[in-house]
């Protein structure tokens, strides 16, 4: 089974790519969109009872923010090599 925070990162990456390809927002706001998607997904995973490593609000937001930023980092790896 895939850990929930890895699944959140994959979801953030996929939605960020769709938003970037459809040009719904400017390219400079894609990381912000990814962070908000990560926070939203982490809240949803808490509501449905998945254990993502924390039980309080600060941990949930930290997991969402780090998952969103990890998705942006994964996107940047091929560009930086």
Protein backbone atom coordinates (compact mmCIF):
# COMPACT_ATOMS: atom_id res chain seq x y z
CA UNK A 1 0.00 0.00 0.00
CA UNK A 2 1.24 3.46 -0.85
CA UNK A 3 1.77 5.77 2.08
CA UNK A 4 -0.77 8.62 2.11
CA UNK A 5 1.82 11.40 1.98
CA UNK A 6 3.38 9.86 -1.14
CA UNK A 7 -0.06 9.63 -2.71
CA UNK A 8 -0.67 13.31 -1.85
CA UNK A 9 2.61 14.24 -3.55
CA UNK A 10 1.62 12.31 -6.68
CA UNK A 11 -1.80 13.96 -6.73
CA UNK A 12 -0.22 17.41 -6.33
CA UNK A 13 2.21 16.71 -9.15
CA UNK A 14 -0.53 15.49 -11.50
CA UNK A 15 -2.90 18.37 -10.85
CA UNK A 16 -0.05 20.90 -11.10
CA UNK A 17 0.88 19.50 -14.51
CA UNK A 18 -2.74 19.75 -15.68
CA UNK A 19 -3.02 23.34 -14.43
CA UNK A 20 0.29 24.21 -16.11
CA UNK A 21 -0.71 22.63 -19.44
CA UNK A 22 -4.15 24.26 -19.52
CA UNK A 23 -2.68 27.63 -18.47
CA UNK A 24 -5.44 28.22 -15.91
CA UNK A 25 -3.03 30.27 -13.79
CA UNK A 26 0.25 32.00 -14.44
CA UNK A 27 3.37 29.81 -14.19
CA UNK A 28 4.62 31.73 -11.18
CA UNK A 29 1.60 30.61 -9.13
CA UNK A 30 1.91 26.89 -9.86
CA UNK A 31 3.86 26.19 -6.60
CA UNK A 32 1.17 27.99 -4.62
CA UNK A 33 -1.54 25.94 -6.31
CA UNK A 34 0.40 22.77 -5.53
CA UNK A 35 0.69 23.72 -1.84
CA UNK A 36 -3.04 24.41 -1.57
CA UNK A 37 -3.83 21.09 -3.26
CA UNK A 38 -1.50 19.35 -0.79
CA UNK A 39 -3.20 20.98 2.19
CA UNK A 40 -6.64 20.10 0.81
CA UNK A 41 -5.64 16.47 0.22
CA UNK A 42 -4.11 16.14 3.68
CA UNK A 43 -7.29 17.46 5.28
CA UNK A 44 -9.37 15.03 3.21
CA UNK A 45 -7.11 12.13 4.19
CA UNK A 46 -7.51 13.04 7.86
CA UNK A 47 -11.30 13.19 7.50
CA UNK A 48 -11.37 9.73 5.92
CA UNK A 49 -9.14 8.28 8.62
CA UNK A 50 -5.80 7.78 6.89
CA UNK A 51 -2.82 8.09 9.19
CA UNK A 52 -0.50 10.66 7.66
CA UNK A 53 1.76 11.11 10.64
CA UNK A 54 -0.03 13.59 12.83
CA UNK A 55 -3.22 14.17 14.66
CA UNK A 56 -3.22 17.92 15.11
CA UNK A 57 -3.77 20.75 12.66
CA UNK A 58 -0.14 21.87 12.49
CA UNK A 59 1.06 18.41 11.47
CA UNK A 60 -1.67 18.10 8.86
CA UNK A 61 -0.79 21.46 7.32
CA UNK A 62 2.93 20.59 7.42
CA UNK A 63 2.32 17.33 5.56
CA UNK A 64 0.19 19.14 2.97
CA UNK A 65 2.72 21.92 2.44
CA UNK A 66 5.68 19.55 2.23
CA UNK A 67 3.83 17.26 -0.19
CA UNK A 68 2.94 20.20 -2.44
CA UNK A 69 6.49 21.51 -2.43
CA UNK A 70 7.88 18.01 -3.01
CA UNK A 71 5.75 17.79 -6.14
CA UNK A 72 7.31 21.02 -7.40
CA UNK A 73 10.77 19.70 -6.53
CA UNK A 74 10.13 16.51 -8.48
CA UNK A 75 9.14 18.66 -11.44
CA UNK A 76 12.39 20.63 -11.22
CA UNK A 77 14.80 17.65 -11.04
CA UNK A 78 15.00 17.01 -14.82
CA UNK A 79 15.31 20.73 -15.51
CA UNK A 80 18.26 21.14 -13.15
CA UNK A 81 20.26 18.11 -14.32
